[in-house]
Amino acid sequence: MDDKEKVIEAFRSSDDPLNAKKVSELSGVEKKEVDKIMKELKKDETIVSPKRCYWTLAEK
């Protein structure tokens, strides 16, 4: 499982919106790398923000 999959799995496993620090803790991926992955996920609209600095998977 690559880091991107780990980050997406962290979002999937949580019922609440997450910030980058929490995603890093849940996935075991370094926060700096989580920031890069989340930037990609925001760009392709895989994750959306229900409130400032917190993200959750987009409903598809």
C-alpha atoms as a PDB file:
ATOM      1  CA  MET A   1       0.000   0.000   0.000  1.00  0.00           C
ATOM      2  CA  ASP A   2       1.511   3.341  -0.994  1.00  0.00           C
ATOM      3  CA  ASP A   3       1.272   6.548   1.040  1.00  0.00           C
ATOM      4  CA  LYS A   4      -1.627   7.936  -1.008  1.00  0.00           C
ATOM      5  CA  GLU A   5      -3.699   4.804  -0.316  1.00  0.00           C
ATOM      6  CA  LYS A   6      -2.842   5.046   3.396  1.00  0.00           C
ATOM      7  CA  VAL A   7      -4.043   8.665   3.495  1.00  0.00           C
ATOM      8  CA  ILE A   8      -7.308   7.815   1.707  1.00  0.00           C
ATOM      9  CA  GLU A   9      -7.820   4.869   4.071  1.00  0.00           C
ATOM     10  CA  ALA A  10      -7.368   7.212   7.068  1.00  0.00           C
ATOM     11  CA  PHE A  11     -10.191   9.395   5.724  1.00  0.00           C
ATOM     12  CA  ARG A  12     -12.341   6.312   5.068  1.00  0.00           C
ATOM     13  CA  SER A  13     -11.872   5.000   8.611  1.00  0.00           C
ATOM     14  CA  SER A  14     -12.899   8.268  10.264  1.00  0.00           C
ATOM     15  CA  ASP A  15     -16.474   9.489  10.679  1.00  0.00           C
ATOM     16  CA  ASP A  16     -15.270  13.026  11.414  1.00  0.00           C
ATOM     17  CA  PRO A  17     -13.399  15.481   9.172  1.00  0.00           C
ATOM     18  CA  LEU A  18      -9.636  15.320   9.663  1.00  0.00           C
ATOM     19  CA  ASN A  19      -6.762  17.797   9.536  1.00  0.00           C
ATOM     20  CA  ALA A  20      -3.329  16.917   8.150  1.00  0.00           C
ATOM     21  CA  LYS A  21      -1.852  16.217  11.591  1.00  0.00           C
ATOM     22  CA  LYS A  22      -4.578  13.691  12.439  1.00  0.00           C
ATOM     23  CA  VAL A  23      -4.279  12.038   9.008  1.00  0.00           C
ATOM     24  CA  SER A  24      -0.539  11.701   9.625  1.00  0.00           C
ATOM     25  CA  GLU A  25      -1.158  10.055  13.011  1.00  0.00           C
ATOM     26  CA  LEU A  26      -3.778   7.642  11.641  1.00  0.00           C
ATOM     27  CA  SER A  27      -1.900   6.665   8.480  1.00  0.00           C
ATOM     28  CA  GLY A  28       1.651   6.609   9.823  1.00  0.00           C
ATOM     29  CA  VAL A  29       2.749   8.812   6.915  1.00  0.00           C
ATOM     30  CA  GLU A  30       4.986  11.815   7.653  1.00  0.00           C
ATOM     31  CA  LYS A  31       2.988  15.084   7.871  1.00  0.00           C
ATOM     32  CA  LYS A  32       5.013  16.764   5.128  1.00  0.00           C
ATOM     33  CA  GLU A  33       4.120  13.907   2.766  1.00  0.00           C
ATOM     34  CA  VAL A  34       0.466  14.000   3.911  1.00  0.00           C
ATOM     35  CA  ASP A  35       0.339  17.705   2.974  1.00  0.00           C
ATOM     36  CA  LYS A  36       1.543  16.907  -0.558  1.00  0.00           C
ATOM     37  CA  ILE A  37      -0.916  14.019  -0.968  1.00  0.00           C
ATOM     38  CA  MET A  38      -3.816  16.082   0.387  1.00  0.00           C
ATOM     39  CA  LYS A  39      -2.965  18.853  -2.092  1.00  0.00           C
ATOM     40  CA  GLU A  40      -3.342  16.324  -4.937  1.00  0.00           C
ATOM     41  CA  LEU A  41      -6.582  14.964  -3.472  1.00  0.00           C
ATOM     42  CA  LYS A  42      -8.023  18.499  -3.167  1.00  0.00           C
ATOM     43  CA  LYS A  43      -7.095  19.235  -6.784  1.00  0.00           C
ATOM     44  CA  ASP A  44      -8.928  16.187  -8.152  1.00  0.00           C
ATOM     45  CA  GLU A  45     -11.780  16.734  -5.642  1.00  0.00           C
ATOM     46  CA  THR A  46     -11.359  13.394  -3.851  1.00  0.00           C
ATOM     47  CA  ILE A  47     -11.540  15.292  -0.559  1.00  0.00           C
ATOM     48  CA  VAL A  48     -13.666  18.327   0.334  1.00  0.00           C
ATOM     49  CA  SER A  49     -13.625  20.736   3.257  1.00  0.00           C
ATOM     50  CA  PRO A  50     -16.748  20.967   5.437  1.00  0.00           C
ATOM     51  CA  LYS A  51     -14.960  23.463   7.724  1.00  0.00           C
ATOM     52  CA  ARG A  52     -11.696  25.396   7.621  1.00  0.00           C
ATOM     53  CA  CYS A  53      -8.557  23.197   7.750  1.00  0.00           C
ATOM     54  CA  TYR A  54     -10.553  19.962   8.041  1.00  0.00           C
ATOM     55  CA  TRP A  55     -11.182  17.542   5.190  1.00  0.00           C
ATOM     56  CA  THR A  56     -13.315  14.532   4.429  1.00  0.00           C
ATOM     57  CA  LEU A  57     -13.855  12.259   1.410  1.00  0.00           C
ATOM     58  CA  ALA A  58     -16.176  13.697  -1.229  1.00  0.00           C
ATOM     59  CA  GLU A  59     -19.468  11.897  -1.748  1.00  0.00           C
ATOM     60  CA  LYS A  60     -19.356  10.247  -5.164  1.00  0.00           C
END
